[in-house]
Amino acid sequence: MTLLKCGGGRIAMTPAGETLLAEGTAAHDAVAAAVRRTRRAGTGAGLVLAMKPGDDAGLLPAMLAAHAAVPGAVPVEVAFGFGTQAAMLRDGRADAALLYAPRADLTGLAAEALVTERQVAVLPRAHPPADRDAVPVADAEPTTLVLAWPETSRSRDLAAFVHAVTTAAANAVANAAATVGRDAAAVG
């Protein structure tokens, strides 16, 4: 199979060469990520949760407490970053991440929805959209906070973390909805 074509003082990749480069790069990246996660697991360092500061919908304390209550739970380190969470999952620097869909690219990641939030805009009076009676729905599309992790992960510690976090988030959202409903009934 020919990977490179030489001629006229030039070297160019054939379609097979381009395919091998793309697939080989992806395979190399996946192996490098697996090595990072394996090394961390071998040290007993626990799990790393990547997130943007404040992008937890107020759920982080409940999620971490629920995980800590699981017998044999490993420690969780929270790694903060701005726009790097998905990359940290893909390159093995993190085991899980809090991301917002549909903004985040979830390709190659498993994800569990935690809570959907409506968008709210607070604008100064002089801001151009402030004088509109309505904003197009596309401009105010709700976002969903998801817990994401590499879809190839087979870590039991990560599976226990995902279970604890998703259960805690569901309980927190249900409790918040009940409180809002009770408060609305008291006002009405």
N, C-alpha and C. Protein backbone atom coordinates (compact mmCIF):
# COMPACT_ATOMS: atom_id res chain seq x y z
N MET A 1 0.85 -1.16 0.00
CA MET A 1 0.00 0.00 0.00
C MET A 1 0.90 1.23 0.00
N THR A 2 0.58 2.15 -0.85
CA THR A 2 1.37 3.37 -0.99
C THR A 2 0.78 4.46 -0.10
N LEU A 3 1.62 5.03 0.77
CA LEU A 3 1.19 6.09 1.67
C LEU A 3 1.64 7.47 1.20
N LEU A 4 2.79 7.48 0.49
CA LEU A 4 3.34 8.73 -0.03
C LEU A 4 3.58 8.61 -1.51
N LYS A 5 3.39 9.70 -2.21
CA LYS A 5 3.64 9.74 -3.64
C LYS A 5 4.75 10.77 -3.87
N CYS A 6 5.79 10.34 -4.56
CA CYS A 6 6.91 11.24 -4.84
C CYS A 6 6.96 11.51 -6.34
N GLY A 7 7.26 12.73 -6.68
CA GLY A 7 7.39 13.05 -8.09
C GLY A 7 7.49 14.55 -8.30
N GLY A 8 8.27 14.93 -9.27
CA GLY A 8 8.42 16.35 -9.61
C GLY A 8 8.99 17.17 -8.46
N GLY A 9 9.83 16.57 -7.64
CA GLY A 9 10.42 17.29 -6.52
C GLY A 9 9.47 17.50 -5.35
N ARG A 10 8.35 16.80 -5.37
CA ARG A 10 7.35 16.94 -4.31
C ARG A 10 7.03 15.59 -3.68
N ILE A 11 6.66 15.64 -2.42
CA ILE A 11 6.17 14.45 -1.72
C ILE A 11 4.77 14.79 -1.22
N ALA A 12 3.83 13.92 -1.53
CA ALA A 12 2.44 14.14 -1.10
C ALA A 12 1.86 12.85 -0.55
N MET A 13 0.95 12.99 0.38
CA MET A 13 0.27 11.82 0.93
C MET A 13 -0.81 11.35 -0.03
N THR A 14 -0.93 10.05 -0.12
CA THR A 14 -2.03 9.46 -0.88
C THR A 14 -3.26 9.45 0.03
N PRO A 15 -4.44 9.14 -0.52
CA PRO A 15 -5.62 9.03 0.36
C PRO A 15 -5.40 8.02 1.49
N ALA A 16 -4.70 6.95 1.21
CA ALA A 16 -4.41 5.98 2.27
C ALA A 16 -3.50 6.60 3.33
N GLY A 17 -2.53 7.39 2.91
CA GLY A 17 -1.65 8.07 3.85
C GLY A 17 -2.40 9.06 4.71
N GLU A 18 -3.31 9.82 4.10
CA GLU A 18 -4.11 10.78 4.85
C GLU A 18 -5.00 10.08 5.88
N THR A 19 -5.57 8.94 5.47
CA THR A 19 -6.41 8.17 6.38
C THR A 19 -5.59 7.65 7.56
N LEU A 20 -4.40 7.10 7.26
CA LEU A 20 -3.55 6.58 8.33
C LEU A 20 -3.13 7.70 9.28
N LEU A 21 -2.82 8.86 8.76
CA LEU A 21 -2.43 9.98 9.61
C LEU A 21 -3.58 10.37 10.55
N ALA A 22 -4.78 10.52 10.01
CA ALA A 22 -5.93 10.91 10.83
C ALA A 22 -6.27 9.84 11.86
N GLU A 23 -6.36 8.61 11.41
CA GLU A 23 -6.72 7.51 12.33
C GLU A 23 -5.61 7.24 13.33
N GLY A 24 -4.37 7.32 12.88
CA GLY A 24 -3.24 7.11 13.77
C GLY A 24 -3.14 8.18 14.84
N THR A 25 -3.43 9.41 14.47
CA THR A 25 -3.42 10.51 15.44
C THR A 25 -4.49 10.28 16.50
N ALA A 26 -5.68 9.90 16.06
CA ALA A 26 -6.76 9.64 17.01
C ALA A 26 -6.40 8.47 17.93
N ALA A 27 -5.82 7.43 17.38
CA ALA A 27 -5.42 6.27 18.19
C ALA A 27 -4.33 6.66 19.18
N HIS A 28 -3.35 7.43 18.73
CA HIS A 28 -2.28 7.89 19.61
C HIS A 28 -2.85 8.72 20.75
N ASP A 29 -3.75 9.65 20.44
CA ASP A 29 -4.35 10.50 21.47
C ASP A 29 -5.14 9.67 22.48
N ALA A 30 -5.86 8.66 22.01
CA ALA A 30 -6.64 7.81 22.91
C ALA A 30 -5.72 7.01 23.83
N VAL A 31 -4.62 6.48 23.29
CA VAL A 31 -3.67 5.73 24.11
C VAL A 31 -2.99 6.65 25.12
N ALA A 32 -2.60 7.85 24.69
CA ALA A 32 -1.96 8.80 25.61
C ALA A 32 -2.91 9.17 26.75
N ALA A 33 -4.21 9.37 26.44
CA ALA A 33 -5.20 9.67 27.47
C ALA A 33 -5.35 8.50 28.43
N ALA A 34 -5.39 7.28 27.89
CA ALA A 34 -5.51 6.09 28.73
C ALA A 34 -4.30 5.95 29.65
N VAL A 35 -3.13 6.27 29.15
CA VAL A 35 -1.92 6.21 29.98
C VAL A 35 -2.01 7.22 31.12
N ARG A 36 -2.45 8.44 30.84
CA ARG A 36 -2.59 9.46 31.90
C ARG A 36 -3.56 9.00 32.98
N ARG A 37 -4.73 8.50 32.55
CA ARG A 37 -5.73 8.05 33.53
C ARG A 37 -5.22 6.84 34.31
N THR A 38 -4.51 5.94 33.65
CA THR A 38 -3.97 4.75 34.31
C THR A 38 -2.93 5.14 35.34
N ARG A 39 -2.06 6.06 34.99
CA ARG A 39 -1.04 6.52 35.95
C ARG A 39 -1.70 7.14 37.17
N ARG A 40 -2.72 7.97 36.96
CA ARG A 40 -3.40 8.60 38.07
C ARG A 40 -4.09 7.55 38.94
N ALA A 41 -4.73 6.56 38.30
CA ALA A 41 -5.40 5.50 39.05
C ALA A 41 -4.39 4.68 39.85
N GLY A 42 -3.20 4.48 39.29
CA GLY A 42 -2.17 3.70 39.96
C GLY A 42 -1.60 4.39 41.18
N THR A 43 -1.72 5.69 41.25
CA THR A 43 -1.21 6.43 42.40
C THR A 43 -2.25 6.56 43.50
N GLY A 44 -3.48 6.16 43.21
CA GLY A 44 -4.56 6.30 44.18
C GLY A 44 -5.01 7.74 44.35
N ALA A 45 -4.72 8.57 43.36
CA ALA A 45 -5.03 9.99 43.45
C ALA A 45 -6.52 10.28 43.36
N GLY A 46 -7.32 9.34 42.92
CA GLY A 46 -8.75 9.57 42.81
C GLY A 46 -9.15 10.08 41.43
N LEU A 47 -10.28 10.75 41.38
CA LEU A 47 -10.83 11.23 40.12
C LEU A 47 -10.63 12.74 40.00
N VAL A 48 -10.62 13.21 38.75
CA VAL A 48 -10.55 14.64 38.48
C VAL A 48 -11.82 15.05 37.75
N LEU A 49 -12.51 16.05 38.29
CA LEU A 49 -13.71 16.62 37.69
C LEU A 49 -13.34 18.00 37.15
N ALA A 50 -13.47 18.18 35.84
CA ALA A 50 -13.15 19.47 35.22
C ALA A 50 -14.43 20.30 35.09
N MET A 51 -14.32 21.59 35.36
CA MET A 51 -15.47 22.48 35.23
C MET A 51 -15.01 23.92 35.15
N LYS A 52 -15.86 24.74 34.59
CA LYS A 52 -15.64 26.18 34.58
C LYS A 52 -16.14 26.71 35.92
N PRO A 53 -15.42 27.61 36.57
CA PRO A 53 -15.90 28.13 37.84
C PRO A 53 -17.32 28.68 37.72
N GLY A 54 -18.18 28.25 38.64
CA GLY A 54 -19.56 28.72 38.65
C GLY A 54 -20.49 27.99 37.72
N ASP A 55 -19.99 27.08 36.90
CA ASP A 55 -20.83 26.37 35.93
C ASP A 55 -21.32 25.03 36.49
N ASP A 56 -21.89 25.06 37.69
CA ASP A 56 -22.39 23.83 38.30
C ASP A 56 -23.85 23.91 38.66
N ALA A 57 -24.53 25.00 38.30
CA ALA A 57 -25.96 25.22 38.60
C ALA A 57 -26.23 25.08 40.10
N GLY A 58 -25.20 25.34 40.92
CA GLY A 58 -25.36 25.24 42.36
C GLY A 58 -25.37 23.82 42.89
N LEU A 59 -25.04 22.85 42.04
CA LEU A 59 -25.15 21.43 42.41
C LEU A 59 -23.85 20.82 42.94
N LEU A 60 -22.72 21.47 42.76
CA LEU A 60 -21.43 20.85 43.10
C LEU A 60 -21.36 20.35 44.54
N PRO A 61 -21.71 21.16 45.54
CA PRO A 61 -21.61 20.64 46.92
C PRO A 61 -22.43 19.37 47.14
N ALA A 62 -23.65 19.33 46.62
CA ALA A 62 -24.50 18.14 46.79
C ALA A 62 -23.91 16.95 46.05
N MET A 63 -23.36 17.19 44.85
CA MET A 63 -22.78 16.09 44.07
C MET A 63 -21.56 15.50 44.78
N LEU A 64 -20.68 16.36 45.27
CA LEU A 64 -19.48 15.87 45.95
C LEU A 64 -19.83 15.18 47.26
N ALA A 65 -20.81 15.71 47.99
CA ALA A 65 -21.23 15.08 49.24
C ALA A 65 -21.85 13.71 48.99
N ALA A 66 -22.65 13.60 47.94
CA ALA A 66 -23.27 12.31 47.62
C ALA A 66 -22.21 11.28 47.26
N HIS A 67 -21.21 11.70 46.50
CA HIS A 67 -20.14 10.76 46.15
C HIS A 67 -19.33 10.37 47.38
N ALA A 68 -19.01 11.34 48.23
CA ALA A 68 -18.21 11.06 49.43
C ALA A 68 -18.93 10.09 50.36
N ALA A 69 -20.26 10.06 50.32
CA ALA A 69 -21.04 9.18 51.18
C ALA A 69 -21.05 7.73 50.70
N VAL A 70 -20.57 7.48 49.49
CA VAL A 70 -20.53 6.12 48.95
C VAL A 70 -19.36 5.37 49.60
N PRO A 71 -19.63 4.18 50.18
CA PRO A 71 -18.54 3.42 50.80
C PRO A 71 -17.42 3.14 49.78
N GLY A 72 -16.19 3.42 50.18
CA GLY A 72 -15.04 3.18 49.31
C GLY A 72 -14.83 4.23 48.24
N ALA A 73 -15.56 5.34 48.32
CA ALA A 73 -15.42 6.39 47.31
C ALA A 73 -14.02 6.96 47.30
N VAL A 74 -13.49 7.16 46.11
CA VAL A 74 -12.17 7.76 45.97
C VAL A 74 -12.31 9.28 46.05
N PRO A 75 -11.24 9.98 46.41
CA PRO A 75 -11.33 11.44 46.46
C PRO A 75 -11.55 12.02 45.06
N VAL A 76 -12.17 13.21 45.03
CA VAL A 76 -12.41 13.91 43.77
C VAL A 76 -11.73 15.27 43.84
N GLU A 77 -10.87 15.52 42.88
CA GLU A 77 -10.23 16.83 42.75
C GLU A 77 -11.00 17.60 41.68
N VAL A 78 -11.33 18.84 41.98
CA VAL A 78 -12.02 19.67 41.01
C VAL A 78 -10.97 20.55 40.32
N ALA A 79 -10.90 20.43 39.00
CA ALA A 79 -9.95 21.22 38.20
C ALA A 79 -10.73 22.27 37.43
N PHE A 80 -10.43 23.53 37.70
CA PHE A 80 -11.15 24.62 37.06
C PHE A 80 -10.43 25.07 35.80
N GLY A 81 -11.22 25.40 34.79
CA GLY A 81 -10.66 25.90 33.54
C GLY A 81 -11.73 26.66 32.77
N PHE A 82 -11.32 27.34 31.75
CA PHE A 82 -12.23 28.11 30.91
C PHE A 82 -12.17 27.55 29.49
N GLY A 83 -13.19 26.78 29.10
CA GLY A 83 -13.24 26.23 27.76
C GLY A 83 -12.31 25.05 27.52
N THR A 84 -11.76 24.48 28.58
CA THR A 84 -10.81 23.37 28.42
C THR A 84 -11.35 22.03 28.92
N GLN A 85 -12.58 22.03 29.44
CA GLN A 85 -13.09 20.84 30.10
C GLN A 85 -13.16 19.62 29.17
N ALA A 86 -13.73 19.78 27.99
CA ALA A 86 -13.85 18.65 27.07
C ALA A 86 -12.47 18.17 26.63
N ALA A 87 -11.56 19.09 26.39
CA ALA A 87 -10.20 18.71 26.01
C ALA A 87 -9.52 17.93 27.14
N MET A 88 -9.78 18.35 28.38
CA MET A 88 -9.20 17.63 29.52
C MET A 88 -9.71 16.20 29.60
N LEU A 89 -10.97 15.98 29.24
CA LEU A 89 -11.51 14.62 29.20
C LEU A 89 -10.82 13.81 28.11
N ARG A 90 -10.73 14.42 26.94
CA ARG A 90 -10.20 13.69 25.79
C ARG A 90 -8.72 13.36 25.92
N ASP A 91 -7.95 14.23 26.61
CA ASP A 91 -6.51 13.94 26.71
C ASP A 91 -6.13 13.27 28.02
N GLY A 92 -7.12 12.93 28.86
CA GLY A 92 -6.85 12.15 30.05
C GLY A 92 -6.50 12.95 31.29
N ARG A 93 -6.53 14.29 31.22
CA ARG A 93 -6.24 15.09 32.42
C ARG A 93 -7.41 15.09 33.38
N ALA A 94 -8.60 14.73 32.90
CA ALA A 94 -9.79 14.67 33.76
C ALA A 94 -10.56 13.39 33.46
N ASP A 95 -11.29 12.94 34.47
CA ASP A 95 -12.11 11.73 34.32
C ASP A 95 -13.55 12.06 33.97
N ALA A 96 -14.00 13.23 34.41
CA ALA A 96 -15.37 13.68 34.16
C ALA A 96 -15.36 15.19 34.07
N ALA A 97 -16.42 15.74 33.50
CA ALA A 97 -16.51 17.20 33.38
C ALA A 97 -17.96 17.63 33.41
N LEU A 98 -18.17 18.84 33.90
CA LEU A 98 -19.47 19.48 33.81
C LEU A 98 -19.42 20.39 32.59
N LEU A 99 -20.33 20.14 31.65
CA LEU A 99 -20.38 20.88 30.39
C LEU A 99 -21.81 21.31 30.12
N TYR A 100 -21.96 22.32 29.28
CA TYR A 100 -23.29 22.75 28.87
C TYR A 100 -23.55 22.35 27.43
N ALA A 101 -24.62 21.61 27.22
CA ALA A 101 -25.06 21.25 25.87
C ALA A 101 -26.18 22.23 25.50
N PRO A 102 -26.30 22.65 24.31
CA PRO A 102 -25.62 22.16 23.12
C PRO A 102 -24.30 22.86 22.81
N ARG A 103 -23.83 23.77 23.65
CA ARG A 103 -22.61 24.51 23.33
C ARG A 103 -21.38 23.62 23.25
N ALA A 104 -21.25 22.66 24.14
CA ALA A 104 -20.06 21.80 24.18
C ALA A 104 -20.14 20.69 23.14
N ASP A 105 -19.00 20.37 22.56
CA ASP A 105 -18.91 19.25 21.63
C ASP A 105 -18.78 17.97 22.45
N LEU A 106 -19.78 17.12 22.41
CA LEU A 106 -19.80 15.89 23.20
C LEU A 106 -19.36 14.67 22.40
N THR A 107 -18.76 14.88 21.24
CA THR A 107 -18.30 13.78 20.41
C THR A 107 -17.29 12.92 21.19
N GLY A 108 -17.54 11.62 21.23
CA GLY A 108 -16.64 10.69 21.92
C GLY A 108 -16.84 10.65 23.42
N LEU A 109 -17.85 11.36 23.90
CA LEU A 109 -18.09 11.40 25.34
C LEU A 109 -19.47 10.83 25.65
N ALA A 110 -19.57 10.16 26.77
CA ALA A 110 -20.87 9.78 27.30
C ALA A 110 -21.32 10.95 28.16
N ALA A 111 -22.62 11.17 28.25
CA ALA A 111 -23.10 12.31 29.02
C ALA A 111 -24.44 11.99 29.65
N GLU A 112 -24.64 12.54 30.82
CA GLU A 112 -25.91 12.40 31.54
C GLU A 112 -26.39 13.81 31.86
N ALA A 113 -27.61 14.13 31.44
CA ALA A 113 -28.18 15.44 31.71
C ALA A 113 -28.44 15.59 33.21
N LEU A 114 -28.06 16.74 33.76
CA LEU A 114 -28.29 17.00 35.17
C LEU A 114 -29.43 18.00 35.39
N VAL A 115 -29.41 19.09 34.65
CA VAL A 115 -30.46 20.10 34.78
C VAL A 115 -30.48 20.97 33.53
N THR A 116 -31.67 21.37 33.12
CA THR A 116 -31.82 22.29 31.98
C THR A 116 -32.17 23.65 32.53
N GLU A 117 -31.44 24.65 32.05
CA GLU A 117 -31.65 26.01 32.52
C GLU A 117 -32.10 26.91 31.38
N ARG A 118 -33.07 27.78 31.68
CA ARG A 118 -33.47 28.79 30.71
C ARG A 118 -32.42 29.89 30.73
N GLN A 119 -32.26 30.52 29.60
CA GLN A 119 -31.33 31.64 29.50
C GLN A 119 -32.02 32.92 29.95
N VAL A 120 -31.28 33.74 30.65
CA VAL A 120 -31.78 35.02 31.12
C VAL A 120 -30.76 36.07 30.72
N ALA A 121 -31.26 37.21 30.24
CA ALA A 121 -30.36 38.29 29.87
C ALA A 121 -30.72 39.54 30.67
N VAL A 122 -29.73 40.14 31.26
CA VAL A 122 -29.90 41.40 31.97
C VAL A 122 -29.07 42.42 31.20
N LEU A 123 -29.74 43.43 30.67
CA LEU A 123 -29.07 44.40 29.80
C LEU A 123 -29.26 45.82 30.33
N PRO A 124 -28.27 46.67 30.12
CA PRO A 124 -28.47 48.08 30.45
C PRO A 124 -29.54 48.67 29.52
N ARG A 125 -30.22 49.70 29.95
CA ARG A 125 -31.30 50.30 29.17
C ARG A 125 -30.84 50.72 27.77
N ALA A 126 -29.60 51.15 27.63
CA ALA A 126 -29.12 51.66 26.35
C ALA A 126 -28.67 50.55 25.39
N HIS A 127 -28.66 49.31 25.83
CA HIS A 127 -28.21 48.20 24.98
C HIS A 127 -29.24 47.98 23.88
N PRO A 128 -28.82 47.80 22.62
CA PRO A 128 -29.78 47.67 21.50
C PRO A 128 -30.92 46.67 21.72
N PRO A 129 -30.68 45.42 22.18
CA PRO A 129 -31.83 44.52 22.34
C PRO A 129 -32.75 44.89 23.50
N ALA A 130 -32.33 45.81 24.37
CA ALA A 130 -33.14 46.14 25.55
C ALA A 130 -34.46 46.81 25.18
N ASP A 131 -34.55 47.41 24.01
CA ASP A 131 -35.80 48.08 23.64
C ASP A 131 -36.77 47.16 22.89
N ARG A 132 -36.39 45.89 22.72
CA ARG A 132 -37.29 44.94 22.05
C ARG A 132 -38.34 44.43 23.03
N ASP A 133 -39.51 44.11 22.48
CA ASP A 133 -40.56 43.50 23.31
C ASP A 133 -40.29 42.02 23.53
N ALA A 134 -39.57 41.42 22.59
CA ALA A 134 -39.28 39.98 22.69
C ALA A 134 -37.93 39.70 22.05
N VAL A 135 -37.33 38.60 22.47
CA VAL A 135 -36.06 38.14 21.90
C VAL A 135 -36.35 36.82 21.21
N PRO A 136 -35.83 36.60 19.99
CA PRO A 136 -36.07 35.32 19.31
C PRO A 136 -35.68 34.13 20.17
N VAL A 137 -36.47 33.07 20.08
CA VAL A 137 -36.23 31.87 20.88
C VAL A 137 -34.82 31.33 20.65
N ALA A 138 -34.33 31.39 19.43
CA ALA A 138 -32.99 30.88 19.13
C ALA A 138 -31.93 31.62 19.93
N ASP A 139 -32.19 32.89 20.26
CA ASP A 139 -31.24 33.67 21.04
C ASP A 139 -31.30 33.34 22.53
N ALA A 140 -32.35 32.67 22.96
CA ALA A 140 -32.53 32.36 24.37
C ALA A 140 -32.75 30.87 24.58
N GLU A 141 -32.12 30.05 23.74
CA GLU A 141 -32.29 28.61 23.82
C GLU A 141 -31.79 28.08 25.17
N PRO A 142 -32.58 27.23 25.81
CA PRO A 142 -32.13 26.67 27.09
C PRO A 142 -30.86 25.83 26.91
N THR A 143 -30.09 25.75 27.95
CA THR A 143 -28.90 24.91 27.93
C THR A 143 -29.05 23.84 29.00
N THR A 144 -28.41 22.72 28.78
CA THR A 144 -28.48 21.61 29.72
C THR A 144 -27.10 21.34 30.30
N LEU A 145 -27.01 21.38 31.62
CA LEU A 145 -25.77 21.01 32.30
C LEU A 145 -25.67 19.50 32.26
N VAL A 146 -24.57 18.99 31.74
CA VAL A 146 -24.36 17.55 31.66
C VAL A 146 -23.09 17.16 32.39
N LEU A 147 -23.11 15.97 32.93
CA LEU A 147 -21.89 15.34 33.43
C LEU A 147 -21.40 14.48 32.28
N ALA A 148 -20.18 14.73 31.82
CA ALA A 148 -19.64 13.98 30.68
C ALA A 148 -18.39 13.23 31.11
N TRP A 149 -18.12 12.12 30.42
CA TRP A 149 -16.93 11.32 30.67
C TRP A 149 -16.60 10.58 29.38
N PRO A 150 -15.35 10.10 29.24
CA PRO A 150 -15.00 9.38 28.00
C PRO A 150 -15.88 8.15 27.84
N GLU A 151 -16.48 8.00 26.66
CA GLU A 151 -17.40 6.88 26.45
C GLU A 151 -16.69 5.53 26.51
N THR A 152 -15.38 5.52 26.41
CA THR A 152 -14.63 4.27 26.47
C THR A 152 -14.22 3.89 27.89
N SER A 153 -14.53 4.72 28.87
CA SER A 153 -14.09 4.46 30.25
C SER A 153 -14.74 3.20 30.81
N ARG A 154 -13.95 2.42 31.51
CA ARG A 154 -14.44 1.22 32.19
C ARG A 154 -14.12 1.29 33.68
N SER A 155 -13.83 2.48 34.18
CA SER A 155 -13.45 2.68 35.57
C SER A 155 -14.64 2.47 36.50
N ARG A 156 -14.49 1.58 37.48
CA ARG A 156 -15.55 1.37 38.47
C ARG A 156 -15.70 2.60 39.37
N ASP A 157 -14.57 3.25 39.68
CA ASP A 157 -14.64 4.46 40.50
C ASP A 157 -15.43 5.55 39.77
N LEU A 158 -15.20 5.69 38.47
CA LEU A 158 -15.93 6.68 37.70
C LEU A 158 -17.42 6.31 37.62
N ALA A 159 -17.73 5.04 37.43
CA ALA A 159 -19.13 4.61 37.37
C ALA A 159 -19.84 4.93 38.68
N ALA A 160 -19.18 4.70 39.82
CA ALA A 160 -19.77 5.02 41.12
C ALA A 160 -19.98 6.53 41.26
N PHE A 161 -19.02 7.31 40.77
CA PHE A 161 -19.13 8.76 40.81
C PHE A 161 -20.31 9.24 39.96
N VAL A 162 -20.41 8.73 38.74
CA VAL A 162 -21.51 9.12 37.85
C VAL A 162 -22.85 8.80 38.49
N HIS A 163 -22.98 7.62 39.08
CA HIS A 163 -24.24 7.23 39.73
C HIS A 163 -24.57 8.18 40.88
N ALA A 164 -23.61 8.44 41.74
CA ALA A 164 -23.84 9.32 42.89
C ALA A 164 -24.20 10.73 42.45
N VAL A 165 -23.47 11.24 41.46
CA VAL A 165 -23.69 12.62 40.99
C VAL A 165 -25.06 12.77 40.32
N THR A 166 -25.41 11.84 39.46
CA THR A 166 -26.69 11.96 38.76
C THR A 166 -27.86 11.82 39.73
N THR A 167 -27.73 10.95 40.73
CA THR A 167 -28.78 10.80 41.74
C THR A 167 -28.90 12.07 42.57
N ALA A 168 -27.77 12.62 43.00
CA ALA A 168 -27.79 13.85 43.80
C ALA A 168 -28.37 15.01 43.01
N ALA A 169 -28.00 15.12 41.74
CA ALA A 169 -28.53 16.21 40.91
C ALA A 169 -30.03 16.08 40.73
N ALA A 170 -30.51 14.87 40.48
CA ALA A 170 -31.95 14.65 40.31
C ALA A 170 -32.69 15.01 41.58
N ASN A 171 -32.15 14.63 42.73
CA ASN A 171 -32.79 14.96 44.00
C ASN A 171 -32.80 16.47 44.24
N ALA A 172 -31.70 17.14 43.94
CA ALA A 172 -31.61 18.60 44.14
C ALA A 172 -32.59 19.33 43.23
N VAL A 173 -32.69 18.90 41.99
CA VAL A 173 -33.62 19.53 41.05
C VAL A 173 -35.06 19.31 41.51
N ALA A 174 -35.38 18.09 41.95
CA ALA A 174 -36.74 17.79 42.43
C ALA A 174 -37.07 18.62 43.67
N ASN A 175 -36.11 18.74 44.58
CA ASN A 175 -36.33 19.54 45.79
C ASN A 175 -36.54 21.01 45.44
N ALA A 176 -35.77 21.52 44.50
CA ALA A 176 -35.91 22.92 44.07
C ALA A 176 -37.27 23.15 43.43
N ALA A 177 -37.70 22.21 42.62
CA ALA A 177 -39.01 22.35 41.97
C ALA A 177 -40.13 22.32 43.00
N ALA A 178 -40.01 21.46 44.00
CA ALA A 178 -41.02 21.39 45.06
C ALA A 178 -41.05 22.68 45.86
N THR A 179 -39.88 23.25 46.13
CA THR A 179 -39.81 24.51 46.89
C THR A 179 -40.44 25.65 46.10
N VAL A 180 -40.14 25.73 44.82
CA VAL A 180 -40.71 26.78 43.96
C VAL A 180 -42.23 26.62 43.91
N GLY A 181 -42.71 25.40 43.75
CA GLY A 181 -44.15 25.16 43.70
C GLY A 181 -44.83 25.53 45.00
N ARG A 182 -44.19 25.20 46.12
CA ARG A 182 -44.75 25.52 47.44
C ARG A 182 -44.76 27.04 47.65
N ASP A 183 -43.66 27.70 47.25
CA ASP A 183 -43.59 29.16 47.40
C ASP A 183 -44.60 29.86 46.50
N ALA A 184 -44.80 29.35 45.29
CA ALA A 184 -45.78 29.95 44.37
C ALA A 184 -47.19 29.77 44.93
N ALA A 185 -47.48 28.63 45.52
CA ALA A 185 -48.80 28.39 46.11
C ALA A 185 -49.03 29.33 47.29
N ALA A 186 -47.97 29.59 48.07
CA ALA A 186 -48.10 30.46 49.23
C ALA A 186 -48.35 31.91 48.80
N VAL A 187 -47.77 32.32 47.68
CA VAL A 187 -47.95 33.68 47.18
C VAL A 187 -49.34 33.84 46.57
N GLY A 188 -49.79 32.81 45.83
CA GLY A 188 -51.08 32.90 45.14
C GLY A 188 -52.20 32.76 46.06
